[in-house]
N, C-alpha and C. Protein backbone atom coordinates (compact mmCIF):
# COMPACT_ATOMS: atom_id res chain seq x y z
N MET A 1 9.76 11.09 -63.83
CA MET A 1 10.02 12.09 -62.82
C MET A 1 8.72 12.43 -62.07
N ARG A 2 7.65 12.55 -62.86
CA ARG A 2 6.37 12.90 -62.26
C ARG A 2 5.86 11.77 -61.36
N THR A 3 6.04 10.53 -61.71
CA THR A 3 5.60 9.40 -60.89
C THR A 3 6.40 9.33 -59.59
N LYS A 4 7.69 9.70 -59.68
CA LYS A 4 8.52 9.73 -58.47
C LYS A 4 8.01 10.80 -57.51
N LEU A 5 7.63 11.94 -58.05
CA LEU A 5 7.12 13.03 -57.23
C LEU A 5 5.79 12.64 -56.58
N ILE A 6 4.92 11.99 -57.32
CA ILE A 6 3.64 11.53 -56.78
C ILE A 6 3.88 10.46 -55.72
N LEU A 7 4.82 9.56 -55.98
CA LEU A 7 5.14 8.50 -55.02
C LEU A 7 5.68 9.08 -53.72
N VAL A 8 6.54 10.09 -53.81
CA VAL A 8 7.09 10.74 -52.61
C VAL A 8 5.97 11.47 -51.86
N ALA A 9 5.09 12.16 -52.57
CA ALA A 9 3.99 12.89 -51.93
C ALA A 9 3.05 11.94 -51.21
N VAL A 10 2.69 10.84 -51.85
CA VAL A 10 1.81 9.85 -51.23
C VAL A 10 2.50 9.22 -50.01
N SER A 11 3.77 8.94 -50.10
CA SER A 11 4.52 8.36 -48.97
C SER A 11 4.53 9.32 -47.79
N VAL A 12 4.75 10.58 -48.06
CA VAL A 12 4.77 11.59 -46.99
C VAL A 12 3.39 11.70 -46.34
N LEU A 13 2.35 11.71 -47.15
CA LEU A 13 1.00 11.79 -46.59
C LEU A 13 0.66 10.57 -45.75
N LEU A 14 1.01 9.39 -46.22
CA LEU A 14 0.75 8.18 -45.44
C LEU A 14 1.58 8.14 -44.16
N ALA A 15 2.80 8.57 -44.24
CA ALA A 15 3.67 8.59 -43.06
C ALA A 15 3.15 9.58 -42.03
N SER A 16 2.65 10.72 -42.48
CA SER A 16 2.15 11.72 -41.52
C SER A 16 0.89 11.23 -40.83
N CYS A 17 0.08 10.45 -41.50
CA CYS A 17 -1.14 9.92 -40.88
C CYS A 17 -0.80 8.90 -39.79
N SER A 18 0.17 8.06 -40.06
CA SER A 18 0.52 7.04 -39.08
C SER A 18 1.40 7.60 -37.97
N ALA A 19 2.03 8.73 -38.18
CA ALA A 19 2.93 9.30 -37.18
C ALA A 19 2.16 9.77 -35.95
N THR A 20 0.92 10.21 -36.12
CA THR A 20 0.17 10.70 -34.96
C THR A 20 -0.11 9.57 -33.98
N SER A 21 -0.45 8.38 -34.48
CA SER A 21 -0.69 7.28 -33.57
C SER A 21 0.61 6.80 -32.93
N TRP A 22 1.71 6.86 -33.66
CA TRP A 22 3.00 6.45 -33.13
C TRP A 22 3.48 7.44 -32.08
N LEU A 23 3.30 8.74 -32.34
CA LEU A 23 3.75 9.75 -31.39
C LEU A 23 2.90 9.75 -30.12
N SER A 24 1.63 9.45 -30.25
CA SER A 24 0.77 9.45 -29.06
C SER A 24 1.12 8.29 -28.12
N SER A 25 1.62 7.19 -28.66
CA SER A 25 2.01 6.07 -27.80
C SER A 25 3.41 6.26 -27.23
N PHE A 26 4.13 7.22 -27.74
CA PHE A 26 5.49 7.49 -27.25
C PHE A 26 5.39 8.42 -26.04
N SER A 27 5.77 7.91 -24.89
CA SER A 27 5.75 8.71 -23.67
C SER A 27 6.93 8.30 -22.80
N PRO A 28 7.29 9.13 -21.84
CA PRO A 28 8.41 8.77 -20.98
C PRO A 28 8.12 7.50 -20.19
N TYR A 29 9.15 6.77 -19.89
CA TYR A 29 9.01 5.53 -19.13
C TYR A 29 8.70 5.87 -17.68
N LYS A 30 7.66 5.25 -17.15
CA LYS A 30 7.32 5.40 -15.74
C LYS A 30 7.36 4.02 -15.12
N MET A 31 8.27 3.86 -14.20
CA MET A 31 8.47 2.54 -13.61
C MET A 31 7.44 2.23 -12.53
N GLU A 32 7.35 0.95 -12.22
CA GLU A 32 6.48 0.48 -11.15
C GLU A 32 7.14 0.83 -9.83
N ILE A 33 6.40 1.49 -8.95
CA ILE A 33 6.97 1.92 -7.67
C ILE A 33 6.22 1.23 -6.54
N ARG A 34 6.95 0.44 -5.77
CA ARG A 34 6.40 -0.21 -4.57
C ARG A 34 7.05 0.46 -3.37
N GLN A 35 6.22 0.95 -2.46
CA GLN A 35 6.74 1.59 -1.27
C GLN A 35 6.09 0.98 -0.04
N GLY A 36 6.89 0.82 0.99
CA GLY A 36 6.36 0.37 2.27
C GLY A 36 6.50 -1.11 2.51
N ASN A 37 5.70 -1.60 3.44
CA ASN A 37 5.71 -2.99 3.87
C ASN A 37 4.39 -3.64 3.49
N LEU A 38 4.44 -4.65 2.65
CA LEU A 38 3.22 -5.40 2.33
C LEU A 38 3.05 -6.50 3.37
N VAL A 39 1.93 -6.47 4.07
CA VAL A 39 1.63 -7.50 5.06
C VAL A 39 0.76 -8.54 4.38
N ALA A 40 1.35 -9.69 4.08
CA ALA A 40 0.64 -10.77 3.40
C ALA A 40 -0.35 -11.43 4.37
N PRO A 41 -1.40 -12.04 3.85
CA PRO A 41 -2.38 -12.71 4.72
C PRO A 41 -1.74 -13.76 5.62
N GLU A 42 -0.72 -14.46 5.12
CA GLU A 42 -0.04 -15.47 5.95
C GLU A 42 0.66 -14.82 7.14
N MET A 43 1.25 -13.65 6.90
CA MET A 43 1.92 -12.92 7.98
C MET A 43 0.89 -12.45 9.00
N ARG A 44 -0.24 -11.99 8.52
CA ARG A 44 -1.32 -11.50 9.39
C ARG A 44 -1.85 -12.61 10.27
N GLU A 45 -1.97 -13.81 9.71
CA GLU A 45 -2.48 -14.95 10.48
C GLU A 45 -1.53 -15.37 11.59
N ARG A 46 -0.24 -15.17 11.40
CA ARG A 46 0.74 -15.56 12.43
C ARG A 46 0.79 -14.57 13.58
N LEU A 47 0.29 -13.37 13.36
CA LEU A 47 0.33 -12.33 14.38
C LEU A 47 -0.75 -12.58 15.42
N ARG A 48 -0.40 -12.49 16.69
CA ARG A 48 -1.34 -12.75 17.79
C ARG A 48 -1.27 -11.65 18.83
N VAL A 49 -2.39 -11.40 19.48
CA VAL A 49 -2.42 -10.50 20.63
C VAL A 49 -1.59 -11.14 21.72
N GLY A 50 -0.74 -10.34 22.37
CA GLY A 50 0.12 -10.85 23.43
C GLY A 50 1.55 -11.09 22.97
N MET A 51 1.83 -11.01 21.66
CA MET A 51 3.20 -11.18 21.17
C MET A 51 4.04 -9.99 21.60
N SER A 52 5.34 -10.21 21.75
CA SER A 52 6.25 -9.13 22.12
C SER A 52 6.62 -8.31 20.88
N ARG A 53 7.20 -7.13 21.10
CA ARG A 53 7.64 -6.28 19.99
C ARG A 53 8.67 -7.01 19.12
N GLN A 54 9.54 -7.77 19.75
CA GLN A 54 10.56 -8.52 19.01
C GLN A 54 9.92 -9.59 18.12
N GLN A 55 8.91 -10.27 18.63
CA GLN A 55 8.21 -11.28 17.83
C GLN A 55 7.47 -10.65 16.65
N VAL A 56 6.86 -9.49 16.87
CA VAL A 56 6.16 -8.79 15.80
C VAL A 56 7.16 -8.35 14.73
N SER A 57 8.28 -7.83 15.17
CA SER A 57 9.32 -7.41 14.23
C SER A 57 9.84 -8.60 13.42
N GLY A 58 9.96 -9.76 14.06
CA GLY A 58 10.39 -10.97 13.35
C GLY A 58 9.35 -11.48 12.37
N THR A 59 8.07 -11.27 12.68
CA THR A 59 6.99 -11.73 11.82
C THR A 59 6.72 -10.78 10.66
N LEU A 60 6.64 -9.48 10.95
CA LEU A 60 6.26 -8.49 9.93
C LEU A 60 7.42 -7.66 9.40
N GLY A 61 8.55 -7.70 10.09
CA GLY A 61 9.66 -6.82 9.73
C GLY A 61 9.54 -5.52 10.50
N SER A 62 10.48 -4.63 10.28
CA SER A 62 10.44 -3.36 11.00
C SER A 62 9.34 -2.48 10.41
N PRO A 63 8.68 -1.67 11.25
CA PRO A 63 7.56 -0.86 10.75
C PRO A 63 8.05 0.27 9.86
N LEU A 64 7.18 0.69 8.94
CA LEU A 64 7.51 1.81 8.08
C LEU A 64 7.52 3.10 8.90
N LEU A 65 6.56 3.23 9.81
CA LEU A 65 6.47 4.40 10.67
C LEU A 65 6.58 3.99 12.12
N SER A 66 7.49 4.61 12.82
CA SER A 66 7.61 4.41 14.26
C SER A 66 7.70 5.80 14.87
N ASP A 67 6.57 6.30 15.33
CA ASP A 67 6.44 7.68 15.78
C ASP A 67 6.78 7.80 17.26
N VAL A 68 7.61 8.78 17.63
CA VAL A 68 7.95 8.98 19.04
C VAL A 68 6.76 9.45 19.84
N TYR A 69 5.80 10.11 19.21
CA TYR A 69 4.61 10.58 19.91
C TYR A 69 3.58 9.48 20.10
N HIS A 70 3.70 8.41 19.32
CA HIS A 70 2.81 7.26 19.45
C HIS A 70 3.68 6.01 19.51
N ALA A 71 4.45 5.89 20.57
CA ALA A 71 5.39 4.77 20.71
C ALA A 71 4.68 3.44 20.88
N ASN A 72 3.40 3.48 21.21
CA ASN A 72 2.64 2.24 21.40
C ASN A 72 1.99 1.76 20.11
N ARG A 73 2.37 2.33 18.96
CA ARG A 73 1.74 1.99 17.68
C ARG A 73 2.81 1.84 16.59
N TRP A 74 2.74 0.75 15.85
CA TRP A 74 3.59 0.54 14.68
C TRP A 74 2.70 0.52 13.45
N ASP A 75 3.04 1.34 12.46
CA ASP A 75 2.26 1.42 11.23
C ASP A 75 3.02 0.78 10.08
N TYR A 76 2.35 -0.12 9.40
CA TYR A 76 2.89 -0.77 8.20
C TYR A 76 2.03 -0.30 7.02
N LEU A 77 2.61 0.53 6.17
CA LEU A 77 1.88 1.07 5.03
C LEU A 77 2.48 0.51 3.75
N TYR A 78 1.64 0.29 2.75
CA TYR A 78 2.08 -0.24 1.46
C TYR A 78 1.36 0.51 0.36
N ARG A 79 2.10 0.82 -0.71
CA ARG A 79 1.55 1.58 -1.83
C ARG A 79 2.21 1.09 -3.11
N LEU A 80 1.40 0.84 -4.15
CA LEU A 80 1.90 0.40 -5.45
C LEU A 80 1.39 1.35 -6.52
N GLU A 81 2.35 1.93 -7.27
CA GLU A 81 2.01 2.80 -8.39
C GLU A 81 2.55 2.17 -9.67
N VAL A 82 1.71 2.10 -10.70
CA VAL A 82 2.12 1.61 -12.00
C VAL A 82 1.84 2.70 -13.01
N LYS A 83 2.86 3.10 -13.75
CA LYS A 83 2.76 4.17 -14.75
C LYS A 83 2.18 5.45 -14.15
N GLY A 84 2.58 5.76 -12.93
CA GLY A 84 2.15 6.99 -12.28
C GLY A 84 0.75 6.95 -11.68
N ARG A 85 0.07 5.80 -11.76
CA ARG A 85 -1.28 5.67 -11.19
C ARG A 85 -1.25 4.78 -9.96
N LEU A 86 -1.96 5.18 -8.93
CA LEU A 86 -2.06 4.38 -7.72
C LEU A 86 -2.92 3.16 -8.01
N VAL A 87 -2.35 1.97 -7.84
CA VAL A 87 -3.05 0.72 -8.14
C VAL A 87 -3.52 0.04 -6.86
N GLU A 88 -2.68 0.08 -5.83
CA GLU A 88 -2.98 -0.66 -4.61
C GLU A 88 -2.43 0.10 -3.41
N GLN A 89 -3.19 0.11 -2.31
CA GLN A 89 -2.74 0.77 -1.09
C GLN A 89 -3.34 0.03 0.11
N HIS A 90 -2.49 -0.28 1.10
CA HIS A 90 -2.93 -0.98 2.30
C HIS A 90 -2.32 -0.32 3.52
N SER A 91 -3.04 -0.37 4.62
CA SER A 91 -2.49 0.08 5.90
C SER A 91 -2.75 -1.00 6.94
N PHE A 92 -1.79 -1.17 7.82
CA PHE A 92 -1.86 -2.20 8.85
C PHE A 92 -1.21 -1.62 10.10
N THR A 93 -1.89 -1.64 11.23
CA THR A 93 -1.37 -1.03 12.45
C THR A 93 -1.41 -2.03 13.59
N VAL A 94 -0.32 -2.06 14.34
CA VAL A 94 -0.22 -2.92 15.51
C VAL A 94 -0.09 -2.01 16.73
N TYR A 95 -0.95 -2.19 17.71
CA TYR A 95 -0.94 -1.39 18.94
C TYR A 95 -0.36 -2.21 20.07
N PHE A 96 0.44 -1.57 20.90
CA PHE A 96 1.09 -2.22 22.02
C PHE A 96 0.63 -1.60 23.33
N THR A 97 0.57 -2.43 24.36
CA THR A 97 0.45 -1.97 25.73
C THR A 97 1.70 -2.47 26.42
N GLY A 98 2.57 -1.55 26.76
CA GLY A 98 3.88 -1.93 27.27
C GLY A 98 4.70 -2.53 26.15
N GLU A 99 5.11 -3.77 26.31
CA GLU A 99 5.93 -4.45 25.29
C GLU A 99 5.17 -5.51 24.51
N PHE A 100 3.85 -5.58 24.72
CA PHE A 100 3.09 -6.66 24.09
C PHE A 100 1.93 -6.13 23.26
N VAL A 101 1.57 -6.87 22.22
CA VAL A 101 0.48 -6.49 21.31
C VAL A 101 -0.84 -6.51 22.06
N SER A 102 -1.58 -5.40 21.95
CA SER A 102 -2.89 -5.34 22.59
C SER A 102 -4.01 -5.32 21.55
N ARG A 103 -3.72 -4.85 20.35
CA ARG A 103 -4.75 -4.73 19.32
C ARG A 103 -4.11 -4.70 17.95
N ILE A 104 -4.85 -5.20 16.95
CA ILE A 104 -4.37 -5.23 15.57
C ILE A 104 -5.44 -4.60 14.70
N ASP A 105 -5.04 -3.65 13.85
CA ASP A 105 -5.98 -2.97 12.96
C ASP A 105 -5.50 -3.18 11.53
N ASP A 106 -6.30 -3.90 10.73
CA ASP A 106 -5.87 -4.21 9.37
C ASP A 106 -6.27 -3.15 8.35
N GLY A 107 -6.72 -2.00 8.78
CA GLY A 107 -7.05 -0.91 7.88
C GLY A 107 -8.51 -0.88 7.50
N ALA A 108 -9.12 -2.03 7.30
CA ALA A 108 -10.53 -2.08 6.92
C ALA A 108 -11.41 -2.14 8.16
N ALA A 109 -11.16 -3.11 9.00
CA ALA A 109 -11.95 -3.27 10.22
C ALA A 109 -11.03 -3.69 11.35
N PRO A 110 -10.97 -2.91 12.43
CA PRO A 110 -10.13 -3.29 13.55
C PRO A 110 -10.55 -4.66 14.09
N ALA A 111 -9.56 -5.47 14.39
CA ALA A 111 -9.86 -6.82 14.89
C ALA A 111 -8.72 -7.31 15.74
N THR A 112 -9.04 -8.21 16.65
CA THR A 112 -8.00 -8.90 17.39
C THR A 112 -7.72 -10.20 16.66
N SER A 113 -6.54 -10.73 16.83
CA SER A 113 -6.16 -11.88 16.00
C SER A 113 -6.84 -13.17 16.41
N SER A 114 -7.18 -13.36 17.69
CA SER A 114 -7.78 -14.63 18.08
C SER A 114 -9.30 -14.62 17.92
N GLY A 115 -9.91 -13.42 18.00
CA GLY A 115 -11.34 -13.31 17.75
C GLY A 115 -12.23 -13.79 18.89
N THR A 116 -11.71 -13.92 20.13
CA THR A 116 -12.54 -14.37 21.25
C THR A 116 -13.40 -13.22 21.75
N ASP A 117 -14.50 -13.57 22.42
CA ASP A 117 -15.43 -12.56 22.93
C ASP A 117 -14.79 -11.71 24.01
N GLU A 118 -13.91 -12.30 24.84
CA GLU A 118 -13.27 -11.54 25.91
C GLU A 118 -12.39 -10.44 25.34
N GLN A 119 -11.64 -10.75 24.27
CA GLN A 119 -10.77 -9.75 23.68
C GLN A 119 -11.58 -8.69 22.95
N ALA A 120 -12.69 -9.07 22.34
CA ALA A 120 -13.55 -8.09 21.67
C ALA A 120 -14.15 -7.14 22.69
N ALA A 121 -14.50 -7.66 23.87
CA ALA A 121 -15.05 -6.82 24.92
C ALA A 121 -14.00 -5.89 25.50
N ALA A 122 -12.73 -6.33 25.50
CA ALA A 122 -11.64 -5.51 26.03
C ALA A 122 -11.30 -4.36 25.10
N THR A 123 -11.77 -4.40 23.84
CA THR A 123 -11.50 -3.34 22.88
C THR A 123 -12.83 -2.79 22.38
N PRO A 124 -13.46 -1.88 23.13
CA PRO A 124 -14.75 -1.36 22.71
C PRO A 124 -14.65 -0.57 21.41
N ALA A 125 -15.76 -0.50 20.69
CA ALA A 125 -15.77 0.18 19.38
C ALA A 125 -15.44 1.66 19.53
N GLY A 126 -15.82 2.28 20.63
CA GLY A 126 -15.52 3.69 20.84
C GLY A 126 -14.03 3.96 20.86
N LYS A 127 -13.27 3.07 21.51
CA LYS A 127 -11.82 3.23 21.55
C LYS A 127 -11.22 3.07 20.16
N ASP A 128 -11.75 2.12 19.38
CA ASP A 128 -11.25 1.90 18.02
C ASP A 128 -11.45 3.15 17.17
N LYS A 129 -12.65 3.74 17.25
CA LYS A 129 -12.94 4.93 16.45
C LYS A 129 -12.07 6.09 16.88
N ALA A 130 -11.85 6.24 18.18
CA ALA A 130 -10.99 7.33 18.67
C ALA A 130 -9.56 7.13 18.22
N ALA A 131 -9.08 5.88 18.23
CA ALA A 131 -7.71 5.60 17.79
C ALA A 131 -7.57 5.87 16.30
N LEU A 132 -8.58 5.50 15.51
CA LEU A 132 -8.53 5.73 14.07
C LEU A 132 -8.61 7.21 13.75
N ALA A 133 -9.39 7.97 14.53
CA ALA A 133 -9.52 9.40 14.29
C ALA A 133 -8.20 10.11 14.55
N GLY A 134 -7.40 9.60 15.49
CA GLY A 134 -6.12 10.21 15.81
C GLY A 134 -4.97 9.68 14.99
N ALA A 135 -5.25 8.78 14.04
CA ALA A 135 -4.19 8.18 13.22
C ALA A 135 -3.58 9.20 12.29
N VAL A 136 -2.27 9.10 12.13
CA VAL A 136 -1.54 9.99 11.23
C VAL A 136 -1.64 9.43 9.83
N PRO A 137 -2.04 10.23 8.80
CA PRO A 137 -2.18 9.70 7.44
C PRO A 137 -0.85 9.30 6.85
């Protein structure tokens, strides 16, 4: 009888020690959340200055944000959260003059898709900074 009591006591003590590590790893399930439009490098390479809105929509899909106050700008935003933590975030903006692409901003450094000197001169750095300063987060 006494050995059974000692065996039960030792079992309870060992179980309580291991329960803390088991309980700490037990947490609610948090799923992977992908929001927005991911613009892949291949999609970015196909985009050109001078494309129509319909061609851009066919290449990149419909924009995540289409603001009535900034009808000349389409914003493609992407966000990935894993277990409640932000892992990846990208922004991509296409600017239009009339119905055609005039400028492309990949979030890191504004650039035109063809990279010619004439197009770089047509988009001065001051205009880029002013456009970025007025961007909606």
